């Protein structure tokens, strides 16, 4: 049987970056290259009802192999990777039997425990990182590989007893549209788990409330020699807007349940400027307050510089799934980890997953670990042993309902 490491190394070499501000789903055609591969592999394994639709959603069924009554469980991961760093031509760097020293990734990049202490939790294991020129793509190709490896086990001749399992692979999670067109009713699971978390042991059933803010600033460009009283420098107005937001409520200054304003992109000139923000908070009241601060700041600038100077497009993206996830669904994941010798860690997600949207669409869906670290960057890493452990956790989870 193919190992989870071998699957992972095959999947990360397929460029599947999604792209913001695109109308079509998936946002990039190249995501379909992995979706097609997964469809074909599931069919070859003997899964039932294998489908790939025009929007890149791959679904399949692992039929029950027991007459015992059990819920239908969904396991989901996303095929796309972040556009924060290139995902093209990924070259994984493997360090077997890691000894705690610095890892020379290549191309002038070093993976060091001094900077990333979590490395020291994996001495003796095989570290997989990038060569520094790209991200690795463990978010979420590790989750994909782990689910596929479990599927191979459960469809094999010596499979343990289990109920019906539904598998789903989705596009565009990284751009916040991963389940926009996902058919929850057709998926027909009682509840599910997204395999899209970080370090071993993580179970997430709380996430941010999230909004996106697109700000367009229309300036007035005038020759600098005759600009007095006439020029409106859009770049300076953008700086003024940023200065009106709470200075320590940004990702670099917050942790745990603390929310933030994050300036994700700024581009422009004297004549015009465009800014993209994300607003996050676990607490709904504080979340609404953050949106009000942004609205009031833009209104003030319009009052100061003239109506129409600042245009704000503010829209909610997803909500905290805590109220939508039943305790027994979380408890089952906790027991599965404990059965595999893993200490569960209940961390709030400082972000979101497809599971947060799915939970509000009628499919309760907490998030569990993949074993990876430093997602969305050049210093992303995971270990072969961590991925194997996640496969064991997933097996313990889905088989627990017929024990």
Protein backbone atom coordinates (compact mmCIF):
# COMPACT_ATOMS: atom_id res chain seq x y z
CA UNK A 1 0.00 0.00 0.00
CA UNK A 2 1.32 3.42 -0.91
CA UNK A 3 2.52 5.45 2.09
CA UNK A 4 1.05 8.79 3.09
CA UNK A 5 4.48 10.35 2.49
CA UNK A 6 4.61 9.12 -1.10
CA UNK A 7 1.12 10.43 -1.78
CA UNK A 8 1.97 13.78 -0.22
CA UNK A 9 5.17 14.19 -2.24
CA UNK A 10 3.23 13.47 -5.43
CA UNK A 11 0.44 15.92 -4.65
CA UNK A 12 2.63 18.87 -3.64
CA UNK A 13 4.32 18.86 -7.03
CA UNK A 14 1.02 19.84 -8.66
CA UNK A 15 0.54 23.61 -8.64
CA UNK A 16 -2.95 24.32 -7.30
CA UNK A 17 -2.80 27.92 -6.12
CA UNK A 18 -6.16 29.63 -6.02
CA UNK A 19 -6.65 33.30 -6.92
CA UNK A 20 -8.64 36.08 -5.29
CA UNK A 21 -11.27 38.17 -7.07
CA UNK A 22 -12.13 35.61 -9.73
CA UNK A 23 -15.73 34.88 -10.70
CA UNK A 24 -15.36 31.26 -11.79
CA UNK A 25 -15.15 28.24 -9.49
CA UNK A 26 -12.53 26.97 -9.26
CA UNK A 27 -10.74 30.29 -9.41
CA UNK A 28 -7.83 28.67 -11.29
CA UNK A 29 -8.09 25.86 -13.81
CA UNK A 30 -4.89 24.24 -12.55
CA UNK A 31 -6.66 23.10 -9.38
CA UNK A 32 -8.53 20.63 -11.55
CA UNK A 33 -5.26 18.80 -12.31
CA UNK A 34 -5.17 17.49 -8.74
CA UNK A 35 -8.94 17.02 -8.59
CA UNK A 36 -8.81 14.75 -11.65
CA UNK A 37 -5.95 12.77 -10.14
CA UNK A 38 -7.88 12.24 -6.91
CA UNK A 39 -10.99 11.17 -8.81
CA UNK A 40 -8.99 8.58 -10.73
CA UNK A 41 -7.19 7.32 -7.64
CA UNK A 42 -10.44 6.94 -5.71
CA UNK A 43 -11.94 4.99 -8.59
CA UNK A 44 -8.87 2.75 -8.77
CA UNK A 45 -9.13 2.07 -5.02
CA UNK A 46 -12.72 0.88 -5.48
CA UNK A 47 -14.59 3.79 -3.88
CA UNK A 48 -18.26 4.15 -4.81
CA UNK A 49 -20.11 7.13 -6.28
CA UNK A 50 -16.89 8.86 -7.34
CA UNK A 51 -17.69 12.21 -8.90
CA UNK A 52 -15.86 15.30 -10.11
CA UNK A 53 -18.13 18.16 -11.06
CA UNK A 54 -17.41 21.18 -13.26
CA UNK A 55 -16.45 23.29 -10.24
CA UNK A 56 -13.73 20.95 -9.03
CA UNK A 57 -15.57 19.23 -6.18
CA UNK A 58 -14.52 15.61 -5.79
CA UNK A 59 -16.85 13.38 -3.78
CA UNK A 60 -16.85 9.65 -3.13
CA UNK A 61 -18.24 7.02 -0.78
CA UNK A 62 -16.49 4.34 1.20
CA UNK A 63 -19.37 1.90 1.81
CA UNK A 64 -19.95 0.44 5.27
CA UNK A 65 -18.53 -3.04 5.82
CA UNK A 66 -20.65 -3.84 8.85
CA UNK A 67 -24.35 -4.17 9.67
CA UNK A 68 -23.91 -2.18 12.88
CA UNK A 69 -25.75 1.13 12.93
CA UNK A 70 -23.40 4.09 12.53
CA UNK A 71 -23.61 7.72 11.43
CA UNK A 72 -22.44 8.73 7.97
CA UNK A 73 -19.19 10.63 8.53
CA UNK A 74 -17.68 13.13 6.10
CA UNK A 75 -13.93 13.72 5.75
CA UNK A 76 -12.94 16.81 3.80
CA UNK A 77 -9.81 18.66 2.70
CA UNK A 78 -9.07 21.35 0.13
CA UNK A 79 -6.83 20.96 -2.91
CA UNK A 80 -5.81 24.61 -3.37
CA UNK A 81 -2.84 26.35 -1.78
CA UNK A 82 -2.31 29.93 -0.69
CA UNK A 83 -1.15 32.60 -3.10
CA UNK A 84 1.06 34.18 -0.41
CA UNK A 85 4.12 32.41 -1.88
CA UNK A 86 4.45 30.59 -5.19
CA UNK A 87 3.26 26.99 -5.35
CA UNK A 88 4.80 26.30 -8.76
CA UNK A 89 7.59 23.76 -9.18
CA UNK A 90 7.67 22.70 -5.51
CA UNK A 91 10.88 20.83 -4.62
CA UNK A 92 10.52 19.12 -1.24
CA UNK A 93 13.64 18.79 0.90
CA UNK A 94 13.73 15.67 3.12
CA UNK A 95 15.81 15.44 6.30
CA UNK A 96 15.60 11.91 7.76
CA UNK A 97 16.30 11.37 11.47
CA UNK A 98 16.34 15.07 12.30
CA UNK A 99 18.93 15.82 15.01
CA UNK A 100 17.89 19.31 16.10
CA UNK A 101 20.43 21.22 14.03
CA UNK A 102 19.72 23.83 11.35
CA UNK A 103 18.39 22.50 8.05
CA UNK A 104 19.90 24.03 4.93
CA UNK A 105 16.86 24.31 2.70
CA UNK A 106 18.89 25.68 -0.20
CA UNK A 107 18.75 28.97 -2.05
CA UNK A 108 19.93 30.86 1.03
CA UNK A 109 17.13 29.69 3.34
CA UNK A 110 17.59 27.91 6.67
CA UNK A 111 15.01 26.12 8.80
CA UNK A 112 16.22 26.67 12.35
CA UNK A 113 14.90 25.58 15.73
CA UNK A 114 16.04 28.92 17.14
CA UNK A 115 13.40 30.57 14.98
CA UNK A 116 10.91 27.69 14.87
CA UNK A 117 11.12 25.83 18.22
CA UNK A 118 8.43 23.31 17.17
CA UNK A 119 11.16 21.54 15.19
CA UNK A 120 12.56 20.23 18.46
CA UNK A 121 9.35 18.30 19.04
CA UNK A 122 10.26 16.15 16.04
CA UNK A 123 13.84 15.02 16.73
CA UNK A 124 14.36 11.60 15.18
CA UNK A 125 11.62 12.13 12.63
CA UNK A 126 11.83 12.89 8.91
CA UNK A 127 11.34 16.60 8.27
CA UNK A 128 9.83 17.62 4.94
CA UNK A 129 10.22 21.28 3.98
CA UNK A 130 10.70 23.34 0.82
CA UNK A 131 13.84 24.51 -0.95
CA UNK A 132 12.91 28.07 0.01
CA UNK A 133 11.67 29.14 -3.42
CA UNK A 134 8.03 28.09 -2.84
CA UNK A 135 5.63 27.10 -0.13
CA UNK A 136 5.32 23.36 0.52
CA UNK A 137 1.56 22.99 0.20
CA UNK A 138 0.95 20.92 3.34
CA UNK A 139 -2.05 23.23 3.73
CA UNK A 140 -3.90 21.25 2.68
CA UNK A 141 -2.25 18.55 0.61
CA UNK A 142 -1.23 16.85 3.83
CA UNK A 143 -4.93 16.56 4.67
CA UNK A 144 -5.66 15.26 1.18
CA UNK A 145 -2.89 12.65 1.43
CA UNK A 146 -4.02 11.55 4.88
CA UNK A 147 -7.64 11.07 3.80
CA UNK A 148 -6.56 9.22 0.65
CA UNK A 149 -4.29 6.91 2.65
CA UNK A 150 -7.14 6.16 5.04
CA UNK A 151 -9.42 5.49 2.04
CA UNK A 152 -6.94 2.91 0.74
CA UNK A 153 -6.94 1.19 4.14
CA UNK A 154 -10.72 1.15 4.49
CA UNK A 155 -11.19 -0.15 0.95
CA UNK A 156 -8.61 -2.91 1.41
CA UNK A 157 -9.28 -6.58 2.17
CA UNK A 158 -8.27 -6.29 5.85
CA UNK A 159 -10.21 -3.13 6.62
CA UNK A 160 -11.51 -2.69 10.18
CA UNK A 161 -15.25 -2.44 10.68
CA UNK A 162 -16.62 1.00 9.82
CA UNK A 163 -19.81 2.72 8.78
CA UNK A 164 -20.36 4.71 5.60
CA UNK A 165 -17.70 7.35 4.99
CA UNK A 166 -18.14 10.27 2.61
CA UNK A 167 -15.06 11.95 1.16
CA UNK A 168 -14.96 15.49 -0.17
CA UNK A 169 -12.14 17.47 -1.76
CA UNK A 170 -12.86 21.12 -2.44
CA UNK A 171 -11.23 24.01 -4.35
CA UNK A 172 -10.72 27.66 -3.38
CA UNK A 173 -10.64 27.37 0.41
CA UNK A 174 -7.72 29.80 0.55
CA UNK A 175 -9.76 32.53 -1.13
CA UNK A 176 -12.75 32.00 1.15
CA UNK A 177 -14.99 30.36 -1.46
CA UNK A 178 -14.26 26.70 -0.89
CA UNK A 179 -17.82 25.58 -0.28
CA UNK A 180 -19.80 28.28 -2.08
CA UNK A 181 -21.24 25.67 -4.44
CA UNK A 182 -20.86 22.57 -2.30
CA UNK A 183 -24.05 20.48 -2.18
CA UNK A 184 -24.43 19.56 1.49
CA UNK A 185 -27.69 17.69 0.89
CA UNK A 186 -26.15 15.50 -1.82
CA UNK A 187 -23.08 14.86 0.35
CA UNK A 188 -25.53 13.31 2.83
CA UNK A 189 -23.28 13.05 5.88
CA UNK A 190 -24.56 13.37 9.43
CA UNK A 191 -21.50 15.39 10.38
CA UNK A 192 -17.96 15.76 9.16
CA UNK A 193 -14.39 16.75 9.91
CA UNK A 194 -12.13 18.98 7.88
CA UNK A 195 -8.56 17.68 8.02
CA UNK A 196 -6.95 21.10 7.72
CA UNK A 197 -5.33 21.96 11.04
CA UNK A 198 -1.77 22.31 12.25
CA UNK A 199 0.27 20.49 14.88
CA UNK A 200 -0.59 16.98 16.04
CA UNK A 201 -3.36 17.01 18.61
CA UNK A 202 -5.20 20.10 17.41
CA UNK A 203 -8.99 19.96 17.47
CA UNK A 204 -10.69 23.19 16.44
CA UNK A 205 -14.36 23.89 16.93
CA UNK A 206 -14.03 27.65 17.38
CA UNK A 207 -12.96 30.05 14.67
CA UNK A 208 -13.02 33.73 13.91
CA UNK A 209 -15.96 35.70 12.71
CA UNK A 210 -14.55 37.16 9.52
CA UNK A 211 -15.15 40.03 7.13
CA UNK A 212 -13.34 41.41 4.13
CA UNK A 213 -12.98 45.13 3.42
CA UNK A 214 -12.08 46.44 -0.01
CA UNK A 215 -11.29 50.17 0.06
CA UNK A 216 -10.94 52.34 -3.03
CA UNK A 217 -9.57 55.85 -2.57
CA UNK A 218 -10.00 58.37 -5.39
CA UNK A 219 -7.37 61.09 -5.18
CA UNK A 220 -6.79 64.27 -7.16
CA UNK A 221 -3.48 64.40 -8.98
CA UNK A 222 -2.22 67.93 -9.63
CA UNK A 223 1.24 69.13 -10.60
CA UNK A 224 3.24 69.57 -7.43
CA UNK A 225 4.03 73.16 -8.39
CA UNK A 226 0.39 74.19 -8.19
CA UNK A 227 -0.99 71.56 -5.80
CA UNK A 228 -1.78 73.71 -2.78
CA UNK A 229 -5.42 73.42 -1.79
CA UNK A 230 -6.15 71.16 -4.74
CA UNK A 231 -4.18 67.90 -4.54
CA UNK A 232 -5.64 64.93 -2.70
CA UNK A 233 -2.88 62.34 -2.46
CA UNK A 234 -4.62 58.94 -2.39
CA UNK A 235 -1.56 57.31 -0.84
CA UNK A 236 -1.58 59.75 2.07
CA UNK A 237 -5.31 59.22 2.57
CA UNK A 238 -4.60 55.47 2.69
CA UNK A 239 -1.96 56.05 5.34
CA UNK A 240 -4.42 58.20 7.27
CA UNK A 241 -7.01 55.44 7.17
CA UNK A 242 -4.53 52.90 8.50
CA UNK A 243 -3.49 55.30 11.27
CA UNK A 244 -7.12 55.55 12.42
CA UNK A 245 -7.28 51.82 13.17
CA UNK A 246 -6.17 50.46 16.58
CA UNK A 247 -2.38 50.12 16.20
CA UNK A 248 -1.97 46.98 18.29
CA UNK A 249 -4.96 45.14 16.87
CA UNK A 250 -3.03 43.52 14.03
CA UNK A 251 -1.90 39.91 13.57
CA UNK A 252 1.67 40.62 14.68
CA UNK A 253 0.42 41.83 18.10
CA UNK A 254 -2.41 39.39 18.83
CA UNK A 255 -2.90 35.76 19.81
CA UNK A 256 -5.50 33.33 21.13
CA UNK A 257 -8.96 34.87 21.11
CA UNK A 258 -7.71 38.38 20.24
CA UNK A 259 -9.04 39.77 16.97
CA UNK A 260 -7.38 42.08 14.48
CA UNK A 261 -7.45 44.34 11.44
CA UNK A 262 -5.03 43.08 8.79
CA UNK A 263 -3.94 45.19 5.83
CA UNK A 264 -3.38 42.45 3.29
CA UNK A 265 -2.67 44.50 0.18
CA UNK A 266 -2.00 48.14 -0.75
CA UNK A 267 -1.40 49.47 -4.23
CA UNK A 268 -1.80 52.83 -5.83
CA UNK A 269 -0.41 56.27 -6.64
CA UNK A 270 -1.38 59.90 -6.05
CA UNK A 271 -4.47 59.55 -8.23
CA UNK A 272 -5.90 56.42 -6.66
CA UNK A 273 -5.23 53.67 -4.14
CA UNK A 274 -6.74 50.29 -3.34
CA UNK A 275 -6.50 48.54 0.02
CA UNK A 276 -7.63 45.06 1.06
CA UNK A 277 -8.28 44.34 4.72
CA UNK A 278 -9.44 41.32 6.64
CA UNK A 279 -11.24 41.83 9.97
CA UNK A 280 -11.35 39.02 12.52
CA UNK A 281 -12.69 38.37 16.02
CA UNK A 282 -14.00 35.32 17.87
CA UNK A 283 -16.48 37.42 19.82
CA UNK A 284 -19.44 38.58 17.71
CA UNK A 285 -19.89 41.85 19.62
CA UNK A 286 -16.23 42.77 19.17
CA UNK A 287 -16.44 41.69 15.52
CA UNK A 288 -19.32 44.08 14.89
CA UNK A 289 -17.39 46.83 16.67
CA UNK A 290 -14.42 46.32 14.35
CA UNK A 291 -16.66 46.68 11.31
CA UNK A 292 -18.10 49.87 12.79
CA UNK A 293 -14.61 51.30 13.35
CA UNK A 294 -13.77 50.70 9.69
CA UNK A 295 -17.05 52.25 8.52
CA UNK A 296 -16.62 55.29 10.75
CA UNK A 297 -13.03 55.85 9.59
CA UNK A 298 -14.06 55.81 5.93
CA UNK A 299 -17.02 58.11 6.65
CA UNK A 300 -14.73 60.58 8.44
CA UNK A 301 -12.35 60.69 5.47
CA UNK A 302 -15.24 61.35 3.08
CA UNK A 303 -16.36 64.18 5.33
CA UNK A 304 -12.83 65.59 5.33
CA UNK A 305 -11.93 65.20 1.65
CA UNK A 306 -15.33 65.12 -0.04
CA UNK A 307 -18.01 62.52 -0.62
CA UNK A 308 -16.85 59.71 -2.89
CA UNK A 309 -13.19 60.00 -1.95
CA UNK A 310 -13.34 56.70 -0.08
CA UNK A 311 -15.48 53.79 -1.20
CA UNK A 312 -15.81 50.88 1.21
CA UNK A 313 -17.04 47.41 0.27
CA UNK A 314 -17.40 45.51 3.55
CA UNK A 315 -18.80 41.98 3.58
CA UNK A 316 -18.90 39.08 6.03
CA UNK A 317 -17.01 35.95 5.02
CA UNK A 318 -17.75 33.36 7.70
CA UNK A 319 -18.75 33.05 11.35
CA UNK A 320 -17.57 31.28 14.49
CA UNK A 321 -18.78 27.69 14.20
CA UNK A 322 -18.78 26.99 17.96
CA UNK A 323 -22.57 27.18 18.30
CA UNK A 324 -23.11 24.83 15.34
CA UNK A 325 -20.89 21.90 16.38
CA UNK A 326 -22.42 19.33 18.79
CA UNK A 327 -20.24 18.26 21.72
CA UNK A 328 -20.38 14.56 20.81
CA UNK A 329 -18.75 15.26 17.43
CA UNK A 330 -15.81 16.96 19.15
CA UNK A 331 -15.65 14.32 21.87
CA UNK A 332 -15.31 11.57 19.28
CA UNK A 333 -12.20 13.26 17.84
CA UNK A 334 -10.81 13.69 21.36
CA UNK A 335 -11.23 10.00 22.15
CA UNK A 336 -9.67 8.97 18.83
CA UNK A 337 -6.57 11.00 19.56
CA UNK A 338 -6.29 9.62 23.08
CA UNK A 339 -6.61 6.08 21.67
CA UNK A 340 -3.58 6.85 19.49
CA UNK A 341 -1.53 8.23 22.38
CA UNK A 342 -2.02 11.86 21.34
CA UNK A 343 -2.92 14.60 23.82
CA UNK A 344 -5.81 16.66 22.35
CA UNK A 345 -5.30 20.40 22.19
CA UNK A 346 -8.37 22.61 21.86
CA UNK A 347 -7.13 25.75 20.16
CA UNK A 348 -9.36 28.40 18.61
CA UNK A 349 -8.56 28.74 14.90
CA UNK A 350 -7.02 32.11 14.19
CA UNK A 351 -8.55 31.94 10.76
CA UNK A 352 -11.27 29.82 9.21
CA UNK A 353 -11.79 26.55 7.42
CA UNK A 354 -14.35 25.17 5.04
CA UNK A 355 -15.76 23.58 8.19
CA UNK A 356 -16.92 26.92 9.56
CA UNK A 357 -19.00 27.55 6.44
CA UNK A 358 -20.20 23.95 6.25
CA UNK A 359 -21.37 24.08 9.87
CA UNK A 360 -23.64 26.99 9.01
CA UNK A 361 -24.82 25.16 5.88
CA UNK A 362 -26.09 22.23 7.96
CA UNK A 363 -23.03 19.96 8.12
CA UNK A 364 -21.42 20.27 11.59
CA UNK A 365 -17.74 20.10 10.81
CA UNK A 366 -14.95 20.72 13.34
CA UNK A 367 -11.36 20.81 12.19
CA UNK A 368 -8.59 18.38 13.11
CA UNK A 369 -4.83 18.43 12.66
CA UNK A 370 -2.70 17.55 9.65
CA UNK A 371 0.64 17.70 11.50
CA UNK A 372 2.05 20.71 9.62
CA UNK A 373 3.60 24.03 10.63
CA UNK A 374 4.23 27.51 9.21
CA UNK A 375 1.54 27.33 6.54
CA UNK A 376 1.42 29.94 3.77
CA UNK A 377 5.17 30.54 3.76
CA UNK A 378 8.58 29.38 2.64
CA UNK A 379 9.35 27.80 6.01
CA UNK A 380 6.43 25.38 5.97
CA UNK A 381 7.28 21.91 7.21
CA UNK A 382 5.74 18.61 8.24
CA UNK A 383 7.06 15.19 9.17
CA UNK A 384 6.36 11.81 7.64
CA UNK A 385 5.64 10.41 11.09
CA UNK A 386 3.10 13.15 11.87
CA UNK A 387 1.15 12.38 8.71
CA UNK A 388 1.15 8.67 9.55
CA UNK A 389 -0.15 9.51 13.02
CA UNK A 390 -3.00 11.55 11.57
CA UNK A 391 -4.02 8.61 9.37
CA UNK A 392 -4.14 6.45 12.50
CA UNK A 393 -6.23 9.06 14.31
CA UNK A 394 -8.68 9.20 11.40
CA UNK A 395 -8.96 5.41 11.39
CA UNK A 396 -9.59 5.36 15.14
CA UNK A 397 -12.19 8.10 14.70
CA UNK A 398 -14.29 6.53 11.96
CA UNK A 399 -14.12 3.03 13.45
CA UNK A 400 -15.10 4.23 16.94
CA UNK A 401 -18.72 4.64 15.90
CA UNK A 402 -19.16 0.88 15.34
CA UNK A 403 -17.07 -0.33 18.29
